[in-house]
Amino acid sequence: MKWKITVFVILLLLYPLFLKWVHMTDLRAIPIIVPYCLAALSVIIIFSEIIGAIGALLRKKKS
């Protein structure tokens, strides 16, 4: 669980780079952080589920 929080915080710290990448220079774009947070959280959930499925397949093959 700690790694998920760590990845989420790292993705949040990348938010200024995201704004630069999408060419947002207006500071009124700060409310975009809510969809960015949701996207970062969904990426973490998707990757953790994929890793869990791969782990389950590997455990099943060893048995």
C-alpha atoms as a PDB file:
ATOM      1  CA  MET A   1       0.000   0.000   0.000  1.00  0.00           C
ATOM      2  CA  LYS A   2       2.885   2.377   0.736  1.00  0.00           C
ATOM      3  CA  TRP A   3       4.160   2.129  -2.813  1.00  0.00           C
ATOM      4  CA  LYS A   4       0.791   3.243  -4.169  1.00  0.00           C
ATOM      5  CA  ILE A   5       0.850   6.357  -2.010  1.00  0.00           C
ATOM      6  CA  THR A   6       4.457   7.030  -3.020  1.00  0.00           C
ATOM      7  CA  VAL A   7       3.635   6.731  -6.717  1.00  0.00           C
ATOM      8  CA  PHE A   8       0.599   8.974  -6.271  1.00  0.00           C
ATOM      9  CA  VAL A   9       2.699  11.664  -4.584  1.00  0.00           C
ATOM     10  CA  ILE A  10       5.342  11.417  -7.321  1.00  0.00           C
ATOM     11  CA  LEU A  11       2.663  11.802  -9.991  1.00  0.00           C
ATOM     12  CA  LEU A  12       1.291  14.830  -8.162  1.00  0.00           C
ATOM     13  CA  LEU A  13       4.755  16.355  -8.104  1.00  0.00           C
ATOM     14  CA  LEU A  14       4.868  15.930 -11.885  1.00  0.00           C
ATOM     15  CA  TYR A  15       1.810  18.183 -12.230  1.00  0.00           C
ATOM     16  CA  PRO A  16       3.808  21.289 -13.250  1.00  0.00           C
ATOM     17  CA  LEU A  17       5.459  19.255 -16.007  1.00  0.00           C
ATOM     18  CA  PHE A  18       2.018  18.122 -17.129  1.00  0.00           C
ATOM     19  CA  LEU A  19       0.884  21.745 -17.394  1.00  0.00           C
ATOM     20  CA  LYS A  20       3.975  22.578 -19.427  1.00  0.00           C
ATOM     21  CA  TRP A  21       3.426  19.529 -21.655  1.00  0.00           C
ATOM     22  CA  VAL A  22      -0.119  20.593 -22.514  1.00  0.00           C
ATOM     23  CA  HIS A  23       1.082  24.198 -22.952  1.00  0.00           C
ATOM     24  CA  MET A  24      -0.868  25.649 -20.031  1.00  0.00           C
ATOM     25  CA  THR A  25       0.753  28.878 -18.963  1.00  0.00           C
ATOM     26  CA  ASP A  26      -2.333  30.470 -17.435  1.00  0.00           C
ATOM     27  CA  LEU A  27      -2.418  30.116 -13.656  1.00  0.00           C
ATOM     28  CA  ARG A  28      -6.191  29.836 -13.762  1.00  0.00           C
ATOM     29  CA  ALA A  29      -5.607  26.249 -14.916  1.00  0.00           C
ATOM     30  CA  ILE A  30      -4.895  25.165 -11.362  1.00  0.00           C
ATOM     31  CA  PRO A  31      -8.404  23.591 -10.997  1.00  0.00           C
ATOM     32  CA  ILE A  32      -7.279  21.072 -13.622  1.00  0.00           C
ATOM     33  CA  ILE A  33      -5.514  19.318 -10.739  1.00  0.00           C
ATOM     34  CA  VAL A  34      -8.721  17.448  -9.813  1.00  0.00           C
ATOM     35  CA  PRO A  35      -8.983  15.554 -13.130  1.00  0.00           C
ATOM     36  CA  TYR A  36      -5.188  15.115 -13.074  1.00  0.00           C
ATOM     37  CA  CYS A  37      -5.407  13.532  -9.598  1.00  0.00           C
ATOM     38  CA  LEU A  38      -8.201  11.233 -10.720  1.00  0.00           C
ATOM     39  CA  ALA A  39      -6.204  10.205 -13.774  1.00  0.00           C
ATOM     40  CA  ALA A  40      -3.091   9.567 -11.678  1.00  0.00           C
ATOM     41  CA  LEU A  41      -5.099   7.505  -9.217  1.00  0.00           C
ATOM     42  CA  SER A  42      -6.726   5.466 -11.994  1.00  0.00           C
ATOM     43  CA  VAL A  43      -3.322   4.754 -13.550  1.00  0.00           C
ATOM     44  CA  ILE A  44      -2.073   3.468 -10.205  1.00  0.00           C
ATOM     45  CA  ILE A  45      -5.155   1.253  -9.784  1.00  0.00           C
ATOM     46  CA  ILE A  46      -4.880  -0.138 -13.316  1.00  0.00           C
ATOM     47  CA  PHE A  47      -1.179  -0.953 -12.968  1.00  0.00           C
ATOM     48  CA  SER A  48      -1.622  -2.532  -9.545  1.00  0.00           C
ATOM     49  CA  GLU A  49      -4.408  -4.760 -10.894  1.00  0.00           C
ATOM     50  CA  ILE A  50      -2.276  -5.771 -13.888  1.00  0.00           C
ATOM     51  CA  ILE A  51       0.654  -6.587 -11.599  1.00  0.00           C
ATOM     52  CA  GLY A  52      -1.667  -8.585  -9.331  1.00  0.00           C
ATOM     53  CA  ALA A  53      -3.048 -10.572 -12.281  1.00  0.00           C
ATOM     54  CA  ILE A  54       0.442 -11.335 -13.580  1.00  0.00           C
ATOM     55  CA  GLY A  55       1.489 -12.410 -10.090  1.00  0.00           C
ATOM     56  CA  ALA A  56      -1.523 -14.715  -9.828  1.00  0.00           C
ATOM     57  CA  LEU A  57      -0.711 -16.281 -13.189  1.00  0.00           C
ATOM     58  CA  LEU A  58       2.900 -16.844 -12.202  1.00  0.00           C
ATOM     59  CA  ARG A  59       1.865 -18.421  -8.885  1.00  0.00           C
ATOM     60  CA  LYS A  60      -0.592 -20.676 -10.719  1.00  0.00           C
ATOM     61  CA  LYS A  61       2.148 -21.818 -13.147  1.00  0.00           C
ATOM     62  CA  LYS A  62       4.523 -22.714 -10.297  1.00  0.00           C
ATOM     63  CA  SER A  63       1.937 -24.976  -8.661  1.00  0.00           C
END
